[in-house]
Amino acid sequence: MAETVTPTVHDTPPPASTRRERRGWYIYDWANSAFQTTVITVFLGPFITTVAELAAGCELGADTCDGYVHPLGIRVAAGSYYPYLISLSVFLTVFVLPVIGAIADRSAHKKRLLGGTAFTGAGATIAMAFVTGDRYLLGGALFLIANISFGAAIVVYNSFLPQLGGPDERDGISSRGWALGYLGGGLLLAFNLVAVTRFSEDDNPQRTLDLARWSIVSAGVWWAVFTLVPLRWLRERPSAEAALGQRGNVLLDGFRQLGRTLREIKAYPLTLFFLLAFLVYNDGIQTVITLASQYGTEELRLEQSTLIVTILLVQFLAFGGALSLGALARRIGAWKTVLLSLVLWTGVIIAAFRLPAEAPVPFMVLGAAIGLVLGGSQALSRSLFSQLIPAGKEGEYYGFYEISDKGTSWLGPLAFGLVFQLTASYRVGLVSLLIFFVVGFLLLAAVPIRRAIVAAGNTPPRVL
């Protein structure tokens, strides 16, 4: 979309950052991705569900469990305990992340905030070592702390991005970070899956449960250890207010600043319009990631080994996909590249609908396609949004961004579930996700991106 808008904003030079500092920033993606892959994607759901079933009086390894647990006196089916935890963590995250972002913007010690949130999450993950027997309440509490801290640390981490490079550099910086994250998360996941496969015993479900618990703990250790690198290599880049040494309670000031931002954000309607587009198409992406295993097992009748190989394939190919789409963005611009990725996502959905049952190779090929488009679409969305943030508000706006990323991830699964309930077909349910990519594409295409960047007070990159 060609536009001739003359910037009427403060043309400040790109912030100087060293190669060492950028590498430190990349390493945090490597560090935290272990939690997303090993914990959230693979091990935690089955682990917490099994612990809840034990608390409900079911036998370990039983095929079915109709028992109930009673957290805070509420009667909950053991099999529903983990989904309810996910919903509760999302609900709490909606309130926490913007406040964390506001605090980050006003703090002169943003690295400390990154370290505090990251180590809190990693510590809660490591403490899963104590979730033994029927301690489902301890497991649930630790998960809430870890997941909310994970999101909070991401907000602080992302707020460094606009300070690490100018408008023409951020796509590459974001893509390299995201790519390294997929590589690190994939390596630890591969190690844990090999360990579980090698040491589990079919007639010993307790050993399998123990291996799952220690795999979760390993992700916390990985997260904590590699977080030390960005804390060492990143430099503090305080906002103008923080640099002037303004006194006051950072927490209270963060709440006050958040209130002001919520009142002022209507002055940036194009930024809000981009967030709406991201909310829609990213919900489609998250739903595909979440439901791919269910689709493979229930509709395509694939073996667990096929799903494991495909998960690892997605992780490692997402590394190359993020770098490849980042390179493409340097030639045609991030906005056009994200639009192209949404076209490719639409093709993925159509191809998934046509996959034959009990055919592992086509499913793996489709997984490879998802990996190639997945990392790039997410990394470039992050860097593109960095262009739309008013200076000094990076933390707050990335708080809203993270809510759009995590806080609405129930819409796609809801649509999928409703369509399946009406049609009893996983294939038709999958096709219902097309609306998220088509509508997301149309909304993003309607954003006058150059004008939106200028309206936020920033200088547009040469190529959009």
Protein backbone atom coordinates (compact mmCIF):
# COMPACT_ATOMS: atom_id res chain seq x y z
CA MET A 1 0.00 0.00 0.00
CA ALA A 2 1.91 3.03 -1.27
CA GLU A 3 1.48 6.19 0.75
CA THR A 4 3.26 9.53 0.67
CA VAL A 5 3.10 10.69 4.22
CA THR A 6 5.67 13.21 5.33
CA PRO A 7 6.81 12.52 8.86
CA THR A 8 6.09 15.38 11.20
CA VAL A 9 7.65 13.66 14.16
CA HIS A 10 10.87 13.72 16.08
CA ASP A 11 13.45 12.08 13.78
CA THR A 12 15.81 10.66 16.35
CA PRO A 13 18.72 8.50 15.19
CA PRO A 14 18.49 4.77 15.77
CA PRO A 15 19.55 3.81 19.27
CA ALA A 16 23.07 2.42 19.32
CA SER A 17 23.42 -1.15 20.46
CA THR A 18 26.37 -3.49 20.40
CA ARG A 19 26.47 -6.93 18.84
CA ARG A 20 27.03 -8.39 22.33
CA GLU A 21 23.92 -6.67 23.63
CA ARG A 22 21.78 -7.98 20.80
CA ARG A 23 23.12 -11.49 21.30
CA GLY A 24 22.18 -11.24 24.94
CA TRP A 25 18.65 -10.31 23.91
CA TYR A 26 18.48 -13.26 21.52
CA ILE A 27 19.55 -15.65 24.28
CA TYR A 28 16.48 -14.87 26.36
CA ASP A 29 14.31 -16.28 23.57
CA TRP A 30 16.51 -19.40 23.76
CA ALA A 31 16.01 -19.47 27.55
CA ASN A 32 12.24 -19.03 27.87
CA SER A 33 11.19 -21.14 24.88
CA ALA A 34 11.97 -24.27 26.89
CA PHE A 35 9.00 -23.47 29.12
CA GLN A 36 6.67 -23.05 26.14
CA THR A 37 7.72 -26.26 24.38
CA THR A 38 8.65 -28.77 27.08
CA VAL A 39 6.18 -27.59 29.74
CA ILE A 40 3.12 -26.12 28.03
CA THR A 41 3.12 -27.93 24.69
CA VAL A 42 4.02 -31.46 25.78
CA PHE A 43 4.35 -32.47 29.42
CA LEU A 44 2.39 -30.30 31.85
CA GLY A 45 -1.17 -31.04 30.71
CA PRO A 46 -0.92 -34.83 31.02
CA PHE A 47 1.17 -34.53 34.20
CA ILE A 48 -1.20 -32.21 36.11
CA THR A 49 -4.22 -34.18 34.89
CA THR A 50 -2.73 -37.44 36.19
CA VAL A 51 -1.95 -35.88 39.58
CA ALA A 52 -5.53 -34.56 39.77
CA GLU A 53 -6.86 -38.02 38.91
CA LEU A 54 -4.80 -39.52 41.72
CA ALA A 55 -6.28 -36.96 44.10
CA ALA A 56 -9.74 -37.96 42.83
CA GLY A 57 -9.09 -41.57 43.83
CA CYS A 58 -8.41 -42.99 40.38
CA GLU A 59 -5.75 -45.60 39.83
CA LEU A 60 -2.50 -44.56 38.18
CA GLY A 61 -2.53 -45.66 34.54
CA ALA A 62 -6.32 -46.15 34.37
CA ASP A 63 -7.82 -45.62 30.93
CA THR A 64 -10.70 -43.53 32.27
CA CYS A 65 -11.34 -41.52 35.41
CA ASP A 66 -14.73 -40.19 36.49
CA GLY A 67 -13.50 -38.79 39.80
CA TYR A 68 -13.62 -35.21 41.08
CA VAL A 69 -11.30 -32.90 42.97
CA HIS A 70 -12.42 -29.98 45.13
CA PRO A 71 -10.04 -26.97 44.87
CA LEU A 72 -11.29 -24.27 47.28
CA GLY A 73 -14.40 -26.39 47.81
CA ILE A 74 -15.40 -26.28 44.12
CA ARG A 75 -16.34 -29.62 42.57
CA VAL A 76 -14.22 -30.10 39.45
CA ALA A 77 -13.86 -33.16 37.23
CA ALA A 78 -10.25 -34.31 37.39
CA GLY A 79 -9.95 -34.19 33.60
CA SER A 80 -11.14 -30.55 33.56
CA TYR A 81 -8.70 -29.31 36.18
CA TYR A 82 -5.89 -28.37 33.77
CA PRO A 83 -8.11 -26.57 31.21
CA TYR A 84 -9.61 -24.57 34.08
CA LEU A 85 -6.11 -23.67 35.25
CA ILE A 86 -5.28 -22.43 31.75
CA SER A 87 -8.42 -20.28 31.70
CA LEU A 88 -7.67 -18.85 35.16
CA SER A 89 -4.08 -18.02 34.22
CA VAL A 90 -5.28 -16.24 31.06
CA PHE A 91 -7.83 -14.27 33.11
CA LEU A 92 -5.19 -13.17 35.63
CA THR A 93 -2.67 -12.41 32.88
CA VAL A 94 -5.04 -9.86 31.34
CA PHE A 95 -4.75 -7.77 34.51
CA VAL A 96 -1.06 -8.32 35.23
CA LEU A 97 0.70 -7.73 31.91
CA PRO A 98 -0.24 -4.09 31.20
CA VAL A 99 0.74 -3.15 34.76
CA ILE A 100 4.10 -4.91 34.38
CA GLY A 101 4.60 -3.02 31.12
CA ALA A 102 3.81 0.31 32.77
CA ILE A 103 6.26 -0.46 35.58
CA ALA A 104 8.95 -1.42 33.03
CA ASP A 105 8.52 1.91 31.23
CA ARG A 106 9.00 3.90 34.45
CA SER A 107 11.78 1.82 35.97
CA ALA A 108 15.44 2.71 35.67
CA HIS A 109 16.27 -0.96 36.28
CA LYS A 110 14.41 -2.86 33.60
CA LYS A 111 16.96 -5.69 33.64
CA ARG A 112 16.13 -6.33 37.29
CA LEU A 113 12.45 -6.55 36.37
CA LEU A 114 13.29 -9.02 33.60
CA GLY A 115 15.36 -11.08 36.01
CA GLY A 116 12.74 -10.96 38.76
CA THR A 117 9.88 -12.12 36.54
CA ALA A 118 12.00 -14.74 34.74
CA PHE A 119 13.50 -16.23 37.90
CA THR A 120 10.08 -16.28 39.59
CA GLY A 121 8.67 -18.29 36.69
CA ALA A 122 11.71 -20.55 36.47
CA GLY A 123 11.67 -21.11 40.24
CA ALA A 124 8.00 -22.10 40.19
CA THR A 125 8.75 -24.50 37.33
CA ILE A 126 11.67 -26.07 39.20
CA ALA A 127 9.46 -26.40 42.29
CA MET A 128 7.29 -28.82 40.30
CA ALA A 129 9.79 -31.39 41.63
CA PHE A 130 7.70 -31.35 44.83
CA VAL A 131 4.42 -32.12 43.02
CA THR A 132 4.31 -35.77 43.94
CA GLY A 133 1.47 -38.11 44.84
CA ASP A 134 -1.85 -36.27 44.82
CA ARG A 135 -0.55 -32.71 45.34
CA TYR A 136 -2.68 -31.26 42.56
CA LEU A 137 -3.27 -27.95 44.40
CA LEU A 138 0.48 -27.33 44.70
CA GLY A 139 0.91 -28.15 41.01
CA GLY A 140 -1.91 -25.79 40.04
CA ALA A 141 -0.56 -22.92 42.16
CA LEU A 142 2.97 -23.35 40.78
CA PHE A 143 1.65 -23.42 37.21
CA LEU A 144 -0.29 -20.16 37.74
CA ILE A 145 2.83 -18.45 39.11
CA ALA A 146 5.04 -19.82 36.33
CA ASN A 147 2.68 -19.02 33.45
CA ILE A 148 1.89 -15.48 34.62
CA SER A 149 5.58 -14.80 35.26
CA PHE A 150 6.39 -16.18 31.81
CA GLY A 151 4.04 -13.67 30.18
CA ALA A 152 5.28 -10.81 32.38
CA ALA A 153 8.92 -11.54 31.50
CA ILE A 154 8.04 -11.62 27.79
CA VAL A 155 6.49 -8.14 28.08
CA VAL A 156 9.68 -6.74 29.66
CA TYR A 157 11.85 -8.63 27.17
CA ASN A 158 9.92 -7.38 24.13
CA SER A 159 10.10 -3.79 25.40
CA PHE A 160 13.88 -3.86 24.76
CA LEU A 161 13.34 -4.44 21.02
CA PRO A 162 12.67 -0.83 19.92
CA GLN A 163 15.82 0.21 21.80
CA LEU A 164 18.11 -2.29 20.09
CA GLY A 165 17.86 -1.05 16.53
CA GLY A 166 16.37 1.46 14.16
CA PRO A 167 13.26 0.94 12.00
CA ASP A 168 15.18 -0.93 9.28
CA GLU A 169 16.90 -3.30 11.71
CA ARG A 170 14.12 -4.57 13.96
CA ASP A 171 12.70 -7.20 11.62
CA GLY A 172 16.07 -8.94 11.48
CA ILE A 173 16.65 -8.60 15.24
CA SER A 174 13.21 -10.01 16.08
CA SER A 175 13.54 -12.84 13.56
CA ARG A 176 16.93 -13.93 14.87
CA GLY A 177 15.64 -13.95 18.44
CA TRP A 178 12.56 -15.95 17.54
CA ALA A 179 14.60 -18.40 15.46
CA LEU A 180 17.04 -19.01 18.30
CA GLY A 181 14.09 -19.56 20.63
CA TYR A 182 12.70 -22.33 18.47
CA LEU A 183 16.13 -23.93 18.26
CA GLY A 184 16.70 -23.86 22.03
CA GLY A 185 13.20 -25.03 22.86
CA GLY A 186 13.49 -27.80 20.31
CA LEU A 187 16.83 -29.05 21.63
CA LEU A 188 15.62 -29.42 25.22
CA LEU A 189 12.35 -30.97 24.07
CA ALA A 190 14.25 -33.49 21.93
CA PHE A 191 16.44 -34.41 24.91
CA ASN A 192 13.41 -34.89 27.17
CA LEU A 193 11.46 -36.90 24.63
CA VAL A 194 14.45 -39.19 24.09
CA ALA A 195 14.79 -39.64 27.86
CA VAL A 196 11.09 -40.44 28.29
CA THR A 197 11.12 -42.87 25.36
CA ARG A 198 14.32 -44.54 26.53
CA PHE A 199 13.56 -44.94 30.23
CA SER A 200 9.77 -45.30 30.45
CA GLU A 201 8.24 -48.74 31.01
CA ASP A 202 4.82 -49.80 29.71
CA ASP A 203 3.96 -51.62 32.93
CA ASN A 204 5.27 -48.85 35.23
CA PRO A 205 3.13 -45.68 34.90
CA GLN A 206 4.78 -44.18 37.99
CA ARG A 207 8.13 -44.07 36.19
CA THR A 208 6.50 -42.30 33.24
CA LEU A 209 4.95 -39.76 35.62
CA ASP A 210 8.33 -39.17 37.31
CA LEU A 211 10.04 -38.70 33.96
CA ALA A 212 7.42 -36.12 32.97
CA ARG A 213 7.93 -34.25 36.25
CA TRP A 214 11.71 -34.11 35.86
CA SER A 215 11.33 -33.01 32.23
CA ILE A 216 9.26 -30.07 33.49
CA VAL A 217 11.90 -29.30 36.12
CA SER A 218 14.63 -29.34 33.44
CA ALA A 219 12.80 -26.58 31.56
CA GLY A 220 12.87 -24.41 34.68
CA VAL A 221 16.60 -24.99 35.14
CA TRP A 222 17.24 -24.22 31.45
CA TRP A 223 15.15 -21.03 31.71
CA ALA A 224 16.98 -19.82 34.84
CA VAL A 225 20.53 -20.63 33.70
CA PHE A 226 20.30 -19.02 30.26
CA THR A 227 18.52 -15.93 31.64
CA LEU A 228 21.85 -15.06 33.27
CA VAL A 229 23.27 -14.23 29.83
CA PRO A 230 20.88 -11.39 28.87
CA LEU A 231 21.08 -10.03 32.41
CA ARG A 232 24.84 -9.83 31.93
CA TRP A 233 24.97 -8.53 28.35
CA LEU A 234 21.96 -6.23 28.05
CA ARG A 235 22.36 -2.59 29.06
CA GLU A 236 19.87 -0.59 31.07
CA ARG A 237 17.97 1.79 28.80
CA PRO A 238 15.72 3.81 31.11
CA SER A 239 12.89 5.95 29.77
CA ALA A 240 13.17 9.73 29.80
CA GLU A 241 11.26 9.95 33.08
CA ALA A 242 13.34 7.25 34.72
CA ALA A 243 16.57 8.79 33.43
CA LEU A 244 15.64 12.11 35.06
CA GLY A 245 15.55 10.29 38.39
CA GLN A 246 11.91 10.93 39.22
CA ARG A 247 11.05 9.65 42.66
CA GLY A 248 8.04 7.76 43.79
CA ASN A 249 6.64 4.30 44.18
CA VAL A 250 7.26 2.52 40.89
CA LEU A 251 4.35 0.14 41.44
CA LEU A 252 1.84 2.89 42.22
CA ASP A 253 3.23 5.06 39.44
CA GLY A 254 2.88 2.10 37.10
CA PHE A 255 -0.83 1.80 37.89
CA ARG A 256 -1.31 5.55 37.44
CA GLN A 257 0.59 5.52 34.14
CA LEU A 258 -1.48 2.58 32.92
CA GLY A 259 -4.64 4.54 33.64
CA ARG A 260 -3.32 7.51 31.65
CA THR A 261 -2.31 5.27 28.76
CA LEU A 262 -5.74 3.64 28.63
CA ARG A 263 -7.27 7.11 28.37
CA GLU A 264 -4.75 8.26 25.77
CA ILE A 265 -4.57 5.15 23.60
CA LYS A 266 -7.60 6.27 21.62
CA ALA A 267 -5.26 8.89 20.12
CA TYR A 268 -3.60 6.01 18.22
CA PRO A 269 -6.52 4.29 16.50
CA LEU A 270 -4.33 2.76 13.80
CA THR A 271 -2.17 1.04 16.42
CA LEU A 272 -5.35 -0.35 17.97
CA PHE A 273 -6.53 -1.47 14.53
CA PHE A 274 -3.28 -3.39 14.04
CA LEU A 275 -3.78 -5.05 17.43
CA LEU A 276 -7.27 -6.10 16.35
CA ALA A 277 -5.90 -7.66 13.17
CA PHE A 278 -3.16 -9.43 15.16
CA LEU A 279 -5.71 -10.68 17.68
CA VAL A 280 -7.73 -12.32 14.91
CA TYR A 281 -5.02 -13.99 12.83
CA ASN A 282 -2.83 -14.91 15.79
CA ASP A 283 -5.80 -16.68 17.37
CA GLY A 284 -5.95 -18.85 14.28
CA ILE A 285 -2.21 -19.60 14.54
CA GLN A 286 -2.44 -20.49 18.25
CA THR A 287 -5.46 -22.74 17.63
CA VAL A 288 -3.65 -24.70 14.91
CA ILE A 289 -0.71 -25.22 17.27
CA THR A 290 -2.98 -26.25 20.15
CA LEU A 291 -5.25 -28.62 18.25
CA ALA A 292 -2.82 -30.18 15.76
CA SER A 293 -2.13 -33.17 18.02
CA GLN A 294 -5.83 -33.77 18.67
CA TYR A 295 -6.57 -33.59 14.95
CA GLY A 296 -3.75 -36.04 14.25
CA THR A 297 -4.87 -38.60 16.82
CA GLU A 298 -8.66 -38.35 16.61
CA GLU A 299 -9.26 -37.65 12.91
CA LEU A 300 -6.14 -38.97 11.18
CA ARG A 301 -5.61 -41.89 13.62
CA LEU A 302 -1.84 -41.37 13.80
CA GLU A 303 0.53 -42.98 16.27
CA GLN A 304 2.03 -41.00 19.16
CA SER A 305 5.50 -41.46 17.67
CA THR A 306 4.37 -39.65 14.51
CA LEU A 307 3.11 -36.71 16.57
CA ILE A 308 6.38 -36.50 18.52
CA VAL A 309 8.49 -36.47 15.35
CA THR A 310 6.20 -33.82 13.84
CA ILE A 311 6.44 -31.60 16.94
CA LEU A 312 10.24 -31.70 16.75
CA LEU A 313 10.12 -31.09 12.99
CA VAL A 314 8.02 -27.97 13.55
CA GLN A 315 10.42 -26.68 16.21
CA PHE A 316 13.59 -27.02 14.15
CA LEU A 317 12.12 -25.88 10.84
CA ALA A 318 10.63 -22.83 12.57
CA PHE A 319 14.25 -21.79 13.20
CA GLY A 320 14.93 -21.64 9.47
CA GLY A 321 11.46 -20.27 8.72
CA ALA A 322 11.94 -17.29 11.02
CA LEU A 323 15.29 -16.44 9.43
CA SER A 324 13.96 -16.94 5.88
CA LEU A 325 10.91 -14.73 6.32
CA GLY A 326 13.11 -12.20 8.10
CA ALA A 327 15.35 -12.11 5.03
CA LEU A 328 12.29 -11.75 2.80
CA ALA A 329 11.09 -8.85 4.96
CA ARG A 330 14.33 -7.00 4.19
CA ARG A 331 13.42 -7.14 0.51
CA ILE A 332 9.66 -6.53 0.48
CA GLY A 333 8.94 -5.27 3.99
CA ALA A 334 7.53 -6.85 7.16
CA TRP A 335 3.93 -5.82 6.50
CA LYS A 336 3.82 -7.51 3.09
CA THR A 337 5.66 -10.55 4.41
CA VAL A 338 3.15 -11.06 7.25
CA LEU A 339 0.32 -10.75 4.71
CA LEU A 340 2.03 -13.39 2.57
CA SER A 341 2.40 -15.65 5.61
CA LEU A 342 -1.36 -15.45 6.21
CA VAL A 343 -1.94 -16.62 2.65
CA LEU A 344 0.39 -19.55 3.37
CA TRP A 345 -1.48 -20.30 6.62
CA THR A 346 -4.71 -20.45 4.62
CA GLY A 347 -3.05 -22.97 2.33
CA VAL A 348 -1.98 -25.01 5.38
CA ILE A 349 -5.59 -25.23 6.62
CA ILE A 350 -6.88 -26.32 3.21
CA ALA A 351 -4.11 -28.92 2.92
CA ALA A 352 -4.85 -30.22 6.43
CA PHE A 353 -8.50 -30.69 5.47
CA ARG A 354 -7.45 -32.92 2.57
CA LEU A 355 -4.94 -35.06 4.50
CA PRO A 356 -5.64 -38.80 4.28
CA ALA A 357 -6.13 -40.78 7.49
CA GLU A 358 -3.43 -43.14 8.77
CA ALA A 359 -0.81 -41.52 6.52
CA PRO A 360 2.08 -40.20 8.66
CA VAL A 361 4.26 -38.83 5.85
CA PRO A 362 1.76 -36.24 4.52
CA PHE A 363 1.12 -35.13 8.13
CA MET A 364 4.85 -34.63 8.69
CA VAL A 365 5.15 -32.70 5.42
CA LEU A 366 2.35 -30.43 6.57
CA GLY A 367 4.12 -30.04 9.92
CA ALA A 368 7.23 -28.95 8.03
CA ALA A 369 5.17 -26.33 6.19
CA ILE A 370 3.77 -25.06 9.50
CA GLY A 371 7.29 -24.80 10.91
CA LEU A 372 8.51 -22.74 7.96
CA VAL A 373 5.72 -20.18 8.20
CA LEU A 374 5.18 -20.21 11.98
CA GLY A 375 8.31 -18.51 13.31
CA GLY A 376 8.39 -15.81 10.65
CA SER A 377 4.78 -14.73 11.02
CA GLN A 378 5.19 -14.36 14.80
CA ALA A 379 8.61 -12.69 14.74
CA LEU A 380 7.64 -10.13 12.10
CA SER A 381 4.36 -9.33 13.84
CA ARG A 382 6.40 -8.49 16.95
CA SER A 383 8.83 -6.24 15.09
CA LEU A 384 6.07 -4.59 13.04
CA PHE A 385 4.21 -3.69 16.23
CA SER A 386 7.40 -2.11 17.62
CA GLN A 387 7.06 0.54 14.89
CA LEU A 388 3.58 1.48 16.12
CA ILE A 389 4.47 2.20 19.76
CA PRO A 390 4.87 5.80 20.99
CA ALA A 391 8.34 6.40 22.41
CA GLY A 392 8.63 5.60 26.10
CA LYS A 393 5.54 3.35 26.14
CA GLU A 394 7.18 0.12 24.92
CA GLY A 395 6.43 -1.94 28.03
CA GLU A 396 2.79 -0.91 28.29
CA TYR A 397 2.03 -1.47 24.63
CA TYR A 398 3.77 -4.83 24.59
CA GLY A 399 1.61 -5.67 27.60
CA PHE A 400 -1.45 -5.09 25.43
CA TYR A 401 0.23 -7.02 22.61
CA GLU A 402 0.89 -10.00 24.86
CA ILE A 403 -2.76 -9.96 25.96
CA SER A 404 -3.73 -10.10 22.29
CA ASP A 405 -1.31 -13.01 21.94
CA LYS A 406 -2.38 -15.01 25.02
CA GLY A 407 -5.52 -13.49 26.46
CA THR A 408 -7.90 -14.32 23.61
CA SER A 409 -6.57 -17.73 22.63
CA TRP A 410 -9.91 -19.29 23.53
CA LEU A 411 -11.76 -17.89 20.48
CA GLY A 412 -10.33 -20.31 17.93
CA PRO A 413 -10.77 -23.41 20.09
CA LEU A 414 -14.32 -22.27 20.86
CA ALA A 415 -15.13 -21.99 17.15
CA PHE A 416 -13.50 -25.37 16.48
CA GLY A 417 -15.40 -26.99 19.34
CA LEU A 418 -18.77 -25.55 18.35
CA VAL A 419 -18.41 -26.63 14.72
CA PHE A 420 -17.34 -30.11 15.79
CA GLN A 421 -20.30 -30.35 18.14
CA LEU A 422 -22.67 -29.42 15.29
CA THR A 423 -21.06 -31.57 12.59
CA ALA A 424 -19.19 -34.33 14.51
CA SER A 425 -16.31 -33.73 12.07
CA TYR A 426 -12.84 -32.59 13.03
CA ARG A 427 -12.17 -31.75 9.39
CA VAL A 428 -15.05 -29.29 9.20
CA GLY A 429 -14.01 -27.91 12.57
CA LEU A 430 -10.53 -27.29 11.20
CA VAL A 431 -11.88 -25.51 8.13
CA SER A 432 -13.79 -23.14 10.44
CA LEU A 433 -10.40 -21.68 11.35
CA LEU A 434 -10.06 -20.26 7.84
CA ILE A 435 -12.17 -17.31 8.95
CA PHE A 436 -9.43 -16.21 11.37
CA PHE A 437 -6.80 -16.09 8.64
CA VAL A 438 -9.05 -14.54 5.99
CA VAL A 439 -10.49 -11.87 8.29
CA GLY A 440 -7.06 -11.27 9.84
CA PHE A 441 -5.57 -10.80 6.37
CA LEU A 442 -8.28 -8.31 5.38
CA LEU A 443 -7.91 -6.34 8.61
CA LEU A 444 -4.11 -6.20 8.36
CA ALA A 445 -4.29 -5.24 4.68
CA ALA A 446 -6.60 -2.36 5.64
CA VAL A 447 -4.06 -0.86 8.06
CA PRO A 448 -2.32 2.14 6.41
CA ILE A 449 0.90 0.98 7.97
CA ARG A 450 3.16 3.90 7.01
CA ARG A 451 0.65 6.42 8.26
CA ALA A 452 0.17 4.39 11.45
CA ILE A 453 3.92 4.47 12.16
CA VAL A 454 4.11 8.21 11.63
CA ALA A 455 1.00 8.76 13.76
CA ALA A 456 2.76 6.96 16.64
CA GLY A 457 5.63 9.46 16.36
CA ASN A 458 8.12 7.12 14.70
CA THR A 459 10.10 7.07 11.49
CA PRO A 460 8.95 4.36 9.02
CA PRO A 461 11.50 1.88 7.67
CA ARG A 462 12.50 2.25 4.05
CA VAL A 463 10.57 -0.86 2.99
CA LEU A 464 7.20 -1.88 4.40
